[in-house]
PDB file of N, CA and C in Angstrom:
ATOM      1  N   MET A   1     192.109 223.075  54.336  1.00  0.00           N
ATOM      2  CA  MET A   1     192.522 221.948  55.125  1.00  0.00           C
ATOM      3  C   MET A   1     193.459 221.088  54.275  1.00  0.00           C
ATOM      4  N   ALA A   2     194.511 220.564  54.886  1.00  0.00           N
ATOM      5  CA  ALA A   2     195.482 219.728  54.180  1.00  0.00           C
ATOM      6  C   ALA A   2     195.229 218.248  54.460  1.00  0.00           C
ATOM      7  N   SER A   3     195.454 217.430  53.448  1.00  0.00           N
ATOM      8  CA  SER A   3     195.377 215.977  53.618  1.00  0.00           C
ATOM      9  C   SER A   3     196.744 215.463  54.010  1.00  0.00           C
ATOM     10  N   PHE A   4     196.782 214.392  54.801  1.00  0.00           N
ATOM     11  CA  PHE A   4     198.059 213.781  55.148  1.00  0.00           C
ATOM     12  C   PHE A   4     197.872 212.289  55.339  1.00  0.00           C
ATOM     13  N   TRP A   5     198.966 211.548  55.177  1.00  0.00           N
ATOM     14  CA  TRP A   5     198.982 210.088  55.258  1.00  0.00           C
ATOM     15  C   TRP A   5     199.220 209.666  56.690  1.00  0.00           C
ATOM     16  N   VAL A   6     198.459 208.703  57.164  1.00  0.00           N
ATOM     17  CA  VAL A   6     198.658 208.134  58.497  1.00  0.00           C
ATOM     18  C   VAL A   6     198.927 206.650  58.317  1.00  0.00           C
ATOM     19  N   GLN A   7     199.998 206.175  58.932  1.00  0.00           N
ATOM     20  CA  GLN A   7     200.352 204.758  58.855  1.00  0.00           C
ATOM     21  C   GLN A   7     200.306 204.187  60.260  1.00  0.00           C
ATOM     22  N   ILE A   8     199.569 203.104  60.441  1.00  0.00           N
ATOM     23  CA  ILE A   8     199.395 202.474  61.749  1.00  0.00           C
ATOM     24  C   ILE A   8     200.267 201.223  61.811  1.00  0.00           C
ATOM     25  N   HIS A   9     200.996 201.059  62.917  1.00  0.00           N
ATOM     26  CA  HIS A   9     201.891 199.914  63.084  1.00  0.00           C
ATOM     27  C   HIS A   9     201.437 199.027  64.244  1.00  0.00           C
ATOM     28  N   ASP A  10     201.858 197.769  64.213  1.00  0.00           N
ATOM     29  CA  ASP A  10     201.674 196.803  65.299  1.00  0.00           C
ATOM     30  C   ASP A  10     200.217 196.464  65.598  1.00  0.00           C
ATOM     31  N   VAL A  11     199.360 196.543  64.597  1.00  0.00           N
ATOM     32  CA  VAL A  11     197.977 196.087  64.759  1.00  0.00           C
ATOM     33  C   VAL A  11     197.972 194.590  64.437  1.00  0.00           C
ATOM     34  N   PRO A  12     197.458 193.744  65.331  1.00  0.00           N
ATOM     35  CA  PRO A  12     197.416 192.311  65.037  1.00  0.00           C
ATOM     36  C   PRO A  12     196.690 192.040  63.716  1.00  0.00           C
ATOM     37  N   ILE A  13     197.257 191.153  62.913  1.00  0.00           N
ATOM     38  CA  ILE A  13     196.723 190.873  61.576  1.00  0.00           C
ATOM     39  C   ILE A  13     195.247 190.492  61.623  1.00  0.00           C
ATOM     40  N   GLY A  14     194.844 189.737  62.622  1.00  0.00           N
ATOM     41  CA  GLY A  14     193.456 189.319  62.732  1.00  0.00           C
ATOM     42  C   GLY A  14     192.487 190.459  63.000  1.00  0.00           C
ATOM     43  N   LEU A  15     192.992 191.587  63.476  1.00  0.00           N
ATOM     44  CA  LEU A  15     192.132 192.732  63.784  1.00  0.00           C
ATOM     45  C   LEU A  15     192.124 193.779  62.686  1.00  0.00           C
ATOM     46  N   PHE A  16     193.147 193.768  61.832  1.00  0.00           N
ATOM     47  CA  PHE A  16     193.238 194.836  60.844  1.00  0.00           C
ATOM     48  C   PHE A  16     192.323 194.570  59.664  1.00  0.00           C
ATOM     49  N   SER A  17     191.571 195.575  59.283  1.00  0.00           N
ATOM     50  CA  SER A  17     190.658 195.484  58.150  1.00  0.00           C
ATOM     51  C   SER A  17     190.429 196.893  57.612  1.00  0.00           C
ATOM     52  N   LYS A  18     189.802 196.980  56.457  1.00  0.00           N
ATOM     53  CA  LYS A  18     189.475 198.293  55.909  1.00  0.00           C
ATOM     54  C   LYS A  18     188.526 199.027  56.852  1.00  0.00           C
ATOM     55  N   ASN A  19     187.610 198.297  57.472  1.00  0.00           N
ATOM     56  CA  ASN A  19     186.673 198.910  58.408  1.00  0.00           C
ATOM     57  C   ASN A  19     187.419 199.589  59.562  1.00  0.00           C
ATOM     58  N   LEU A  20     188.437 198.917  60.110  1.00  0.00           N
ATOM     59  CA  LEU A  20     189.231 199.515  61.184  1.00  0.00           C
ATOM     60  C   LEU A  20     189.964 200.750  60.676  1.00  0.00           C
ATOM     61  N   ALA A  21     190.506 200.674  59.461  1.00  0.00           N
ATOM     62  CA  ALA A  21     191.206 201.817  58.875  1.00  0.00           C
ATOM     63  C   ALA A  21     190.270 203.017  58.730  1.00  0.00           C
ATOM     64  N   VAL A  22     189.054 202.766  58.291  1.00  0.00           N
ATOM     65  CA  VAL A  22     188.065 203.844  58.147  1.00  0.00           C
ATOM     66  C   VAL A  22     187.750 204.455  59.512  1.00  0.00           C
ATOM     67  N   GLN A  23     187.547 203.614  60.515  1.00  0.00           N
ATOM     68  CA  GLN A  23     187.239 204.118  61.857  1.00  0.00           C
ATOM     69  C   GLN A  23     188.387 204.954  62.418  1.00  0.00           C
ATOM     70  N   LEU A  24     189.625 204.464  62.277  1.00  0.00           N
ATOM     71  CA  LEU A  24     190.780 205.217  62.773  1.00  0.00           C
ATOM     72  C   LEU A  24     190.957 206.520  61.999  1.00  0.00           C
ATOM     73  N   GLY A  25     190.769 206.454  60.684  1.00  0.00           N
ATOM     74  CA  GLY A  25     190.881 207.660  59.865  1.00  0.00           C
ATOM     75  C   GLY A  25     189.865 208.710  60.252  1.00  0.00           C
ATOM     76  N   ASN A  26     188.640 208.302  60.482  1.00  0.00           N
ATOM     77  CA  ASN A  26     187.602 209.248  60.887  1.00  0.00           C
ATOM     78  C   ASN A  26     187.811 209.751  62.311  1.00  0.00           C
ATOM     79  N   PHE A  27     188.513 208.978  63.128  1.00  0.00           N
ATOM     80  CA  PHE A  27     188.818 209.415  64.492  1.00  0.00           C
ATOM     81  C   PHE A  27     189.802 210.581  64.482  1.00  0.00           C
ATOM     82  N   VAL A  28     190.810 210.520  63.609  1.00  0.00           N
ATOM     83  CA  VAL A  28     191.820 211.587  63.567  1.00  0.00           C
ATOM     84  C   VAL A  28     191.451 212.706  62.603  1.00  0.00           C
ATOM     85  N   GLY A  29     190.443 212.508  61.790  1.00  0.00           N
ATOM     86  CA  GLY A  29     190.037 213.531  60.826  1.00  0.00           C
ATOM     87  C   GLY A  29     188.956 212.983  59.925  1.00  0.00           C
ATOM     88  N   GLU A  30     189.207 213.019  58.619  1.00  0.00           N
ATOM     89  CA  GLU A  30     188.262 212.474  57.643  1.00  0.00           C
ATOM     90  C   GLU A  30     188.968 211.402  56.821  1.00  0.00           C
ATOM     91  N   PHE A  31     188.451 210.177  56.858  1.00  0.00           N
ATOM     92  CA  PHE A  31     189.028 209.085  56.075  1.00  0.00           C
ATOM     93  C   PHE A  31     188.878 209.397  54.596  1.00  0.00           C
ATOM     94  N   ILE A  32     189.972 209.206  53.828  1.00  0.00           N
ATOM     95  CA  ILE A  32     189.934 209.490  52.394  1.00  0.00           C
ATOM     96  C   ILE A  32     190.173 208.244  51.556  1.00  0.00           C
ATOM     97  N   GLU A  33     191.215 207.472  51.884  1.00  0.00           N
ATOM     98  CA  GLU A  33     191.594 206.352  51.021  1.00  0.00           C
ATOM     99  C   GLU A  33     192.275 205.258  51.826  1.00  0.00           C
ATOM    100  N   TYR A  34     192.102 204.030  51.403  1.00  0.00           N
ATOM    101  CA  TYR A  34     192.705 202.860  52.043  1.00  0.00           C
ATOM    102  C   TYR A  34     193.664 202.202  51.065  1.00  0.00           C
ATOM    103  N   ASP A  35     194.878 201.911  51.517  1.00  0.00           N
ATOM    104  CA  ASP A  35     195.863 201.218  50.684  1.00  0.00           C
ATOM    105  C   ASP A  35     196.357 200.000  51.439  1.00  0.00           C
ATOM    106  N   GLY A  36     195.850 198.842  51.110  1.00  0.00           N
ATOM    107  CA  GLY A  36     196.251 197.616  51.784  1.00  0.00           C
ATOM    108  C   GLY A  36     197.357 196.872  51.057  1.00  0.00           C
ATOM    109  N   SER A  37     198.009 197.513  50.101  1.00  0.00           N
ATOM    110  CA  SER A  37     199.008 196.826  49.281  1.00  0.00           C
ATOM    111  C   SER A  37     200.249 196.404  50.057  1.00  0.00           C
ATOM    112  N   ASN A  38     200.529 197.011  51.195  1.00  0.00           N
ATOM    113  CA  ASN A  38     201.720 196.664  51.971  1.00  0.00           C
ATOM    114  C   ASN A  38     201.424 195.782  53.171  1.00  0.00           C
ATOM    115  N   LEU A  39     200.199 195.334  53.330  1.00  0.00           N
ATOM    116  CA  LEU A  39     199.868 194.505  54.483  1.00  0.00           C
ATOM    117  C   LEU A  39     200.699 193.232  54.492  1.00  0.00           C
ATOM    118  N   GLY A  40     201.365 192.977  55.604  1.00  0.00           N
ATOM    119  CA  GLY A  40     202.157 191.771  55.765  1.00  0.00           C
ATOM    120  C   GLY A  40     203.560 191.840  55.208  1.00  0.00           C
ATOM    121  N   LYS A  41     203.928 192.910  54.524  1.00  0.00           N
ATOM    122  CA  LYS A  41     205.254 193.015  53.920  1.00  0.00           C
ATOM    123  C   LYS A  41     206.328 193.465  54.898  1.00  0.00           C
ATOM    124  N   GLU A  42     205.950 193.969  56.056  1.00  0.00           N
ATOM    125  CA  GLU A  42     206.940 194.494  56.997  1.00  0.00           C
ATOM    126  C   GLU A  42     207.847 193.412  57.569  1.00  0.00           C
ATOM    127  N   ASN A  43     207.440 192.163  57.516  1.00  0.00           N
ATOM    128  CA  ASN A  43     208.249 191.076  58.061  1.00  0.00           C
ATOM    129  C   ASN A  43     209.070 190.353  57.005  1.00  0.00           C
ATOM    130  N   ARG A  44     208.995 190.793  55.770  1.00  0.00           N
ATOM    131  CA  ARG A  44     209.744 190.144  54.688  1.00  0.00           C
ATOM    132  C   ARG A  44     211.148 190.724  54.605  1.00  0.00           C
ATOM    133  N   ASN A  45     212.116 189.888  54.221  1.00  0.00           N
ATOM    134  CA  ASN A  45     213.502 190.352  54.037  1.00  0.00           C
ATOM    135  C   ASN A  45     213.806 190.545  52.579  1.00  0.00           C
TER     136      ASN A  45
END
């Protein structure tokens, strides 16, 4: 089985959390790792 990165867009900031990431990851396969380092950076210039 191959691992792959999934990036979720347009989730309201108030709803996004590691718990949500784990749930979504397990929904599409097996959650492996969470990287929150880019949270909120998409709106920066």
